[in-house]
Amino acid sequence: MSTLYVGMDVHKETIVVAVAEEGRDGEIRSYGTFENTPASVDKLIKRLAKAGRTLHFCYEAGCCGYSLHRQITAARHTCDVIAPSMIPKKPGERVKTDRRDAIKLARLLRAGELDVVWVPDAAHEAMRDLVRARAGASNHLKAYKQQLQSFLLRHGQIYGGESSWTRTHYRWLAEQKFEHPAHQIVFQDYINAIHDEEKREKQLIRQIEKLLPDWRMRPLVDALCLMKGLNLVASSTVLSVTGDLRRFPTPTEFSGYTGLVPSEHSSGNSTNRHGITKAGNTELRRVLIQAAWCYRFPARITKPKEPRLTATDKAIRDVAWKAQVRLCGRYRQLIARGKLAPVACAAVARELATFIWEMGQIVPLTS
C-alpha cells in the first residue's frame, strides 16, 4: 500500500494543502484551499483516503494548537507537528506564499527532513496552559513594579531601605504624596495593578496545587521539589514544557533541548565555540538558570526539605543529594577559574538539566 504525504499550511480560517506521491520522483502538487473547520477537515481526509492509500499529514506548530493533529490521529492517520525553526530553507528563496509553503512541507515530509515536536495530550496541555498563565501573571507583576519604581525615580522619591517589596517598603509607599492630582492618580493606579497581579498570581498557584494530584506527572513533580532551587511552581513549569523525560534517550539530548549547550562553528582544524544556543522554550531555560543561582551556596539539606527527603525512596534521595554536592562544587570551581558568575550559572544550569533527566528515569509516572 502506497503512502501519500500531505503538507498543510494552517491559518485561522483556511488550510492550504499540497500532496506528494510516494517515491523520489513522485508527483508533488497543490491540492487546494479548505476551511479550517472540523467538518471541512473530515471531508478532506475522506477525499484523500478514497484510493485506499496510507495518509501522512504534517503542519507547522503555531497558534492554532493541536486540535487538527488530534482530529487526524482520531481518524487513524499519521500527523506530525513540525518545528518551524528547524525547517530547511534555501538561501536564495525570496518568494513565500501559502501554496509554496504547503508544497515545501509535503516534499520535505516525504524526504524525512522535518523535525517533529512532541504533542501533549489534552490533560497535559491544560496543565501547561495553567502554568503559562501563572508565568504571565508573574511577568505582568514585574512590569508593573518596574513602572512604579521608574515613576517614583522620575519624581525624586527614592526608597532608602535595604530591599524592596517588603512590608516596610509597602508602608513607605502608602506614605508617598504628590502635589499634582494626576500624579497621585497614576501612582495609585500602579499600586492597585500590583496588588491585583499579586492576587492573581497567588490564585493561579493555588489552582496548580489543587489540580496537581490529578496530573500524571505528580510523582515527578514531588521528586524534583527535593532538589536544591526547585519548588512546586518551578518543577511544574519544567515538566509542563518537557513532558515525560523518558522520551529523551540521553541527558545530552535533554540539555540540548533546553538551549543551554554552547553554540559551535567549526571547520577543518578550526574550532569555535560561542554562547549558549538559546534554542527551545524560553521559560524552561529561565527556570533552570534561576534554580542554578541557588548552587552558589554550600551543599546542605534545608529544614523544609528534610522531612520529605527522609520519607522518599533512597534512589530519589541519592540523586537529589548527588546533584547538590556536584553542582555546588562545580560553581566554586568555575568561579575559581575566573569565569563570570552568569557564565558559571549557565554551566550549572546545563548540568542541573542532566540530573533532572536522571530523576525522570527513575520516578514512575501515574497512568
Protein backbone atom coordinates (compact mmCIF):
# COMPACT_ATOMS: atom_id res chain seq x y z
CA MET A 1 0.00 0.00 0.00
CA SER A 2 1.48 3.36 -1.07
CA THR A 3 1.78 6.41 1.15
CA LEU A 4 0.53 9.89 0.28
CA TYR A 5 2.37 12.74 2.01
CA VAL A 6 0.20 15.75 2.81
CA GLY A 7 1.62 19.16 3.70
CA MET A 8 -0.73 21.70 5.25
CA ASP A 9 -0.16 25.42 5.71
CA VAL A 10 -2.60 26.14 8.53
CA HIS A 11 -4.20 29.51 9.28
CA LYS A 12 -7.07 30.66 11.46
CA GLU A 13 -9.68 30.39 8.69
CA THR A 14 -8.06 28.34 5.93
CA ILE A 15 -5.78 25.37 5.32
CA VAL A 16 -3.72 25.27 2.11
CA VAL A 17 -2.98 21.64 1.18
CA ALA A 18 -0.33 20.04 -1.05
CA VAL A 19 0.34 16.34 -1.66
CA ALA A 20 3.44 14.39 -2.61
CA GLU A 21 3.28 10.93 -4.16
CA GLU A 22 5.50 8.21 -2.77
CA GLY A 23 8.92 7.75 -4.32
CA ARG A 24 11.77 10.07 -5.13
CA ASP A 25 10.28 11.02 -8.50
CA GLY A 26 6.67 11.08 -7.28
CA GLU A 27 4.49 13.98 -8.28
CA ILE A 28 4.18 16.96 -5.92
CA ARG A 29 1.19 19.21 -6.48
CA SER A 30 -1.05 21.73 -4.78
CA TYR A 31 -4.35 20.21 -3.70
CA GLY A 32 -6.34 23.33 -2.89
CA THR A 33 -7.52 25.56 -0.05
CA PHE A 34 -10.01 24.36 2.57
CA GLU A 35 -11.82 25.92 5.51
CA ASN A 36 -10.21 25.36 8.88
CA THR A 37 -13.24 23.64 10.40
CA PRO A 38 -13.65 20.06 11.69
CA ALA A 39 -16.26 19.29 9.02
CA SER A 40 -14.05 20.56 6.19
CA VAL A 41 -11.00 18.67 7.51
CA ASP A 42 -13.05 15.49 7.81
CA LYS A 43 -14.18 15.85 4.19
CA LEU A 44 -10.54 16.41 3.11
CA ILE A 45 -9.40 13.25 4.89
CA LYS A 46 -12.13 11.15 3.23
CA ARG A 47 -11.26 12.52 -0.23
CA LEU A 48 -7.57 11.75 0.16
CA ALA A 49 -8.21 8.27 1.56
CA LYS A 50 -10.52 7.17 -1.29
CA ALA A 51 -7.80 5.25 -3.14
CA GLY A 52 -7.01 3.25 -0.01
CA ARG A 53 -3.57 4.79 0.44
CA THR A 54 -1.86 5.45 3.76
CA LEU A 55 -2.00 9.16 4.61
CA HIS A 56 0.82 11.02 6.37
CA PHE A 57 -0.05 14.62 7.28
CA CYS A 58 2.11 17.42 8.65
CA TYR A 59 1.79 21.09 9.57
CA GLU A 60 3.85 23.67 11.43
CA ALA A 61 3.45 24.21 15.16
CA GLY A 62 1.84 27.55 15.86
CA CYS A 63 -1.04 29.47 17.38
CA CYS A 64 -3.66 27.05 16.02
CA GLY A 65 -2.59 24.42 18.55
CA TYR A 66 -3.04 20.68 18.31
CA SER A 67 -6.76 20.29 17.58
CA LEU A 68 -6.03 19.49 13.93
CA HIS A 69 -3.47 16.88 14.97
CA ARG A 70 -5.94 15.23 17.33
CA GLN A 71 -8.68 15.14 14.69
CA ILE A 72 -6.41 13.49 12.12
CA THR A 73 -4.98 10.94 14.57
CA ALA A 74 -8.51 10.14 15.77
CA ALA A 75 -9.27 9.23 12.14
CA ARG A 76 -6.36 6.72 12.38
CA HIS A 77 -3.94 8.58 10.14
CA THR A 78 -0.43 9.80 10.92
CA CYS A 79 0.04 13.51 11.59
CA ASP A 80 3.29 15.25 12.51
CA VAL A 81 3.54 18.72 14.02
CA ILE A 82 6.71 20.34 12.71
CA ALA A 83 9.15 22.68 14.47
CA PRO A 84 9.07 25.85 12.28
CA SER A 85 12.57 27.00 13.23
CA MET A 86 14.08 23.69 12.07
CA ILE A 87 12.58 23.63 8.57
CA PRO A 88 15.39 23.73 5.96
CA LYS A 89 15.46 26.93 3.94
CA LYS A 90 17.41 27.72 0.79
CA PRO A 91 19.47 30.94 0.98
CA GLY A 92 18.12 32.11 -2.37
CA GLU A 93 14.42 31.83 -1.50
CA ARG A 94 12.79 35.23 -1.97
CA VAL A 95 9.15 34.31 -2.65
CA LYS A 96 6.93 32.96 0.11
CA THR A 97 3.29 32.02 -0.40
CA ASP A 98 0.89 29.66 1.35
CA ARG A 99 0.85 27.38 -1.70
CA ARG A 100 4.66 27.17 -1.81
CA ASP A 101 4.84 26.55 1.92
CA ALA A 102 2.41 23.62 1.67
CA ILE A 103 4.32 22.10 -1.27
CA LYS A 104 7.60 22.53 0.60
CA LEU A 105 6.21 20.76 3.67
CA ALA A 106 4.92 17.85 1.57
CA ARG A 107 8.27 17.46 -0.21
CA LEU A 108 10.36 17.63 2.97
CA LEU A 109 7.99 15.26 4.79
CA ARG A 110 8.47 12.68 2.05
CA ALA A 111 12.24 13.16 2.27
CA GLY A 112 12.23 12.79 6.07
CA GLU A 113 13.88 16.17 6.57
CA LEU A 114 11.45 17.62 9.12
CA ASP A 115 11.86 17.74 12.91
CA VAL A 116 8.73 16.70 14.78
CA VAL A 117 7.68 18.37 18.04
CA TRP A 118 6.19 16.48 20.95
CA VAL A 119 2.40 16.79 21.16
CA PRO A 120 0.92 16.70 24.69
CA ASP A 121 -2.38 15.08 25.49
CA ALA A 122 -5.37 17.25 26.39
CA ALA A 123 -4.82 16.96 30.17
CA HIS A 124 -1.14 17.85 29.93
CA GLU A 125 -1.89 20.79 27.65
CA ALA A 126 -4.45 22.08 30.13
CA MET A 127 -1.91 22.00 32.97
CA ARG A 128 0.67 23.66 30.74
CA ASP A 129 -1.75 26.48 29.94
CA LEU A 130 -2.35 26.97 33.66
CA VAL A 131 1.40 27.11 34.36
CA ARG A 132 1.83 29.58 31.49
CA ALA A 133 -0.93 31.76 32.91
CA ARG A 134 0.93 31.87 36.23
CA ALA A 135 4.14 32.83 34.42
CA GLY A 136 2.25 35.55 32.56
CA ALA A 137 0.90 36.96 35.82
CA SER A 138 4.41 36.96 37.26
CA ASN A 139 5.76 38.84 34.22
CA HIS A 140 2.97 41.41 34.42
CA LEU A 141 3.69 41.88 38.13
CA LYS A 142 7.38 42.51 37.42
CA ALA A 143 6.48 45.01 34.71
CA TYR A 144 4.10 46.96 36.98
CA LYS A 145 6.70 47.07 39.76
CA GLN A 146 9.33 48.36 37.35
CA GLN A 147 6.95 51.02 36.04
CA LEU A 148 6.15 52.17 39.57
CA GLN A 149 9.82 52.39 40.53
CA SER A 150 10.58 54.35 37.37
CA PHE A 151 7.70 56.70 38.12
CA LEU A 152 8.95 57.32 41.66
CA LEU A 153 12.51 57.84 40.42
CA ARG A 154 11.37 60.49 37.93
CA HIS A 155 9.77 62.39 40.80
CA GLY A 156 12.74 62.08 43.14
CA GLN A 157 11.10 59.74 45.65
CA ILE A 158 13.67 57.03 46.31
CA TYR A 159 13.25 54.29 48.90
CA GLY A 160 16.21 54.09 51.26
CA GLY A 161 15.55 50.63 52.71
CA GLU A 162 17.62 47.50 52.13
CA SER A 163 15.16 45.61 49.92
CA SER A 164 12.03 46.47 48.01
CA TRP A 165 8.55 44.95 48.10
CA THR A 166 8.70 44.06 51.78
CA ARG A 167 6.15 45.16 54.41
CA THR A 168 8.38 48.10 55.27
CA HIS A 169 8.54 49.11 51.62
CA TYR A 170 4.76 48.91 51.22
CA ARG A 171 4.32 51.09 54.32
CA TRP A 172 6.71 53.60 52.78
CA LEU A 173 4.70 53.54 49.53
CA ALA A 174 1.48 54.24 51.44
CA GLU A 175 3.03 57.43 52.83
CA GLN A 176 4.00 58.91 49.44
CA LYS A 177 2.13 62.01 48.28
CA PHE A 178 2.27 64.15 45.12
CA GLU A 179 1.36 67.77 44.61
CA HIS A 180 -0.46 67.34 41.30
CA PRO A 181 -3.66 65.24 41.43
CA ALA A 182 -2.78 63.50 38.16
CA HIS A 183 0.45 62.16 39.64
CA GLN A 184 -1.39 60.82 42.66
CA ILE A 185 -3.90 59.06 40.37
CA VAL A 186 -1.10 57.47 38.32
CA PHE A 187 0.72 56.38 41.49
CA GLN A 188 -2.40 54.79 42.96
CA ASP A 189 -3.19 53.06 39.67
CA TYR A 190 0.25 51.38 39.73
CA ILE A 191 -0.28 50.29 43.34
CA ASN A 192 -3.69 48.82 42.53
CA ALA A 193 -2.29 46.99 39.48
CA ILE A 194 0.47 45.47 41.60
CA HIS A 195 -1.98 44.26 44.23
CA ASP A 196 -4.29 42.82 41.56
CA GLU A 197 -1.46 40.91 39.85
CA GLU A 198 -0.15 39.61 43.18
CA LYS A 199 -3.62 38.31 43.98
CA ARG A 200 -3.98 36.79 40.51
CA GLU A 201 -0.61 35.03 40.74
CA LYS A 202 -1.43 33.57 44.16
CA GLN A 203 -4.81 32.33 42.90
CA LEU A 204 -3.18 30.60 39.93
CA ILE A 205 -0.60 28.96 42.18
CA ARG A 206 -3.41 27.65 44.38
CA GLN A 207 -5.12 26.25 41.29
CA ILE A 208 -1.91 24.48 40.26
CA GLU A 209 -1.66 22.95 43.73
CA LYS A 210 -5.32 21.94 43.58
CA LEU A 211 -5.10 20.23 40.17
CA LEU A 212 -1.66 18.70 40.67
CA PRO A 213 -2.91 15.45 42.32
CA ASP A 214 -4.84 14.57 39.13
CA TRP A 215 -1.82 15.16 36.86
CA ARG A 216 0.14 12.09 35.81
CA MET A 217 3.40 14.00 36.35
CA ARG A 218 2.68 14.50 40.07
CA PRO A 219 5.22 11.89 41.35
CA LEU A 220 8.00 13.50 39.31
CA VAL A 221 6.98 16.99 40.47
CA ASP A 222 7.32 15.83 44.08
CA ALA A 223 10.72 14.31 43.32
CA LEU A 224 12.06 17.47 41.63
CA CYS A 225 10.91 19.57 44.59
CA LEU A 226 13.54 17.74 46.65
CA MET A 227 16.32 19.25 44.55
CA LYS A 228 18.01 22.50 45.54
CA GLY A 229 16.50 25.54 43.78
CA LEU A 230 13.31 23.82 42.58
CA ASN A 231 9.93 24.34 44.23
CA LEU A 232 6.45 23.26 43.17
CA VAL A 233 5.96 26.04 40.62
CA ALA A 234 9.43 25.61 39.08
CA SER A 235 9.07 21.81 38.88
CA SER A 236 5.62 22.11 37.32
CA THR A 237 6.97 24.59 34.78
CA VAL A 238 9.81 22.27 33.75
CA LEU A 239 7.58 19.24 33.33
CA SER A 240 4.73 21.10 31.64
CA VAL A 241 7.20 22.04 28.88
CA THR A 242 9.14 18.78 28.60
CA GLY A 243 6.51 16.16 29.38
CA ASP A 244 7.73 12.62 30.05
CA LEU A 245 11.53 12.86 30.35
CA ARG A 246 11.90 9.26 29.20
CA ARG A 247 11.32 10.42 25.63
CA PHE A 248 14.87 11.83 25.68
CA PRO A 249 17.27 8.88 25.17
CA THR A 250 20.29 10.64 26.72
CA PRO A 251 20.89 13.51 29.17
CA THR A 252 22.95 15.26 26.50
CA GLU A 253 19.94 15.38 24.22
CA PHE A 254 17.82 16.85 27.00
CA SER A 255 20.47 19.51 27.70
CA GLY A 256 20.39 20.43 24.02
CA TYR A 257 16.60 20.68 24.20
CA THR A 258 16.90 23.31 26.94
CA GLY A 259 19.14 25.53 24.79
CA LEU A 260 21.85 25.66 27.45
CA VAL A 261 24.60 23.99 25.39
CA PRO A 262 27.31 26.13 23.73
CA SER A 263 26.88 27.02 20.08
CA GLU A 264 29.71 25.96 17.78
CA HIS A 265 31.02 26.88 14.35
CA SER A 266 33.92 24.60 13.39
CA SER A 267 35.54 23.83 10.08
CA GLY A 268 38.70 21.86 9.35
CA ASN A 269 41.24 22.47 12.09
CA SER A 270 39.35 25.50 13.39
CA THR A 271 37.03 25.04 16.40
CA ASN A 272 34.99 27.99 17.59
CA ARG A 273 32.52 27.79 20.46
CA HIS A 274 30.30 30.67 21.45
CA GLY A 275 27.46 31.39 23.88
CA ILE A 276 24.57 29.04 24.58
CA THR A 277 22.24 28.25 21.67
CA LYS A 278 19.09 29.54 23.44
CA ALA A 279 17.08 27.00 21.48
CA GLY A 280 13.78 25.67 22.76
CA ASN A 281 11.46 27.08 25.38
CA THR A 282 12.50 30.37 27.00
CA GLU A 283 10.54 29.80 30.21
CA LEU A 284 12.19 26.40 30.74
CA ARG A 285 15.64 27.93 30.34
CA ARG A 286 14.76 30.80 32.70
CA VAL A 287 13.58 28.43 35.43
CA LEU A 288 16.74 26.29 35.18
CA ILE A 289 19.06 29.30 35.32
CA GLN A 290 17.10 30.79 38.22
CA ALA A 291 17.41 27.49 40.09
CA ALA A 292 21.13 27.30 39.31
CA TRP A 293 21.82 30.51 41.24
CA CYS A 294 20.99 28.64 44.46
CA TYR A 295 24.09 26.48 43.99
CA ARG A 296 26.34 29.41 44.87
CA PHE A 297 25.91 28.36 48.49
CA PRO A 298 27.37 25.24 50.15
CA ALA A 299 25.52 21.96 49.84
CA ARG A 300 23.16 21.25 52.73
CA ILE A 301 19.70 19.90 53.43
CA THR A 302 17.38 22.74 54.41
CA LYS A 303 14.85 22.32 57.18
CA PRO A 304 11.71 22.46 54.93
CA LYS A 305 13.03 19.69 52.65
CA GLU A 306 14.45 17.37 55.32
CA PRO A 307 11.15 15.61 56.26
CA ARG A 308 10.27 14.97 52.60
CA LEU A 309 13.76 13.65 51.82
CA THR A 310 13.58 11.26 54.75
CA ALA A 311 10.20 9.92 53.63
CA THR A 312 11.12 9.37 49.97
CA ASP A 313 12.82 6.44 48.27
CA LYS A 314 16.58 6.08 48.66
CA ALA A 315 17.22 6.26 44.89
CA ILE A 316 15.44 9.61 44.61
CA ARG A 317 17.13 10.92 47.74
CA ASP A 318 20.55 9.91 46.41
CA VAL A 319 20.05 11.72 43.10
CA ALA A 320 18.92 14.90 44.85
CA TRP A 321 21.94 14.91 47.18
CA LYS A 322 24.40 13.90 44.44
CA ALA A 323 23.15 16.79 42.30
CA GLN A 324 23.56 19.27 45.14
CA VAL A 325 27.11 18.19 46.01
CA ARG A 326 28.20 18.10 42.37
CA LEU A 327 26.68 21.42 41.31
CA CYS A 328 27.73 23.42 44.37
CA GLY A 329 31.29 22.23 43.82
CA ARG A 330 31.06 22.89 40.11
CA TYR A 331 30.05 26.51 40.67
CA ARG A 332 33.00 27.10 43.02
CA GLN A 333 35.41 25.51 40.52
CA LEU A 334 34.23 27.72 37.67
CA ILE A 335 34.45 30.88 39.76
CA ALA A 336 37.97 29.91 40.90
CA ARG A 337 38.99 29.54 37.24
CA GLY A 338 37.94 33.14 36.61
CA LYS A 339 34.59 32.55 34.96
CA LEU A 340 31.98 35.25 35.32
CA ALA A 341 29.08 34.41 37.62
CA PRO A 342 26.44 34.35 34.81
CA VAL A 343 28.64 32.02 32.74
CA ALA A 344 29.18 29.70 35.70
CA CYS A 345 25.47 29.78 36.44
CA ALA A 346 24.60 28.77 32.86
CA ALA A 347 27.04 25.86 33.07
CA VAL A 348 25.49 24.74 36.37
CA ALA A 349 22.00 25.02 34.85
CA ARG A 350 23.12 22.77 31.98
CA GLU A 351 24.31 20.10 34.42
CA LEU A 352 21.17 20.57 36.54
CA ALA A 353 19.17 19.57 33.46
CA THR A 354 21.05 16.25 33.32
CA PHE A 355 20.15 15.48 36.95
CA ILE A 356 16.52 16.36 36.22
CA TRP A 357 16.69 13.90 33.31
CA GLU A 358 18.12 11.25 35.64
CA MET A 359 15.29 11.83 38.10
CA GLY A 360 12.82 11.38 35.25
CA GLN A 361 14.23 7.92 34.50
CA ILE A 362 13.77 6.50 38.00
CA VAL A 363 10.46 8.05 39.08
CA PRO A 364 7.43 6.10 37.77
CA LEU A 365 4.54 8.20 36.47
CA THR A 366 0.90 7.56 37.19
CA SER A 367 -1.20 6.09 34.39
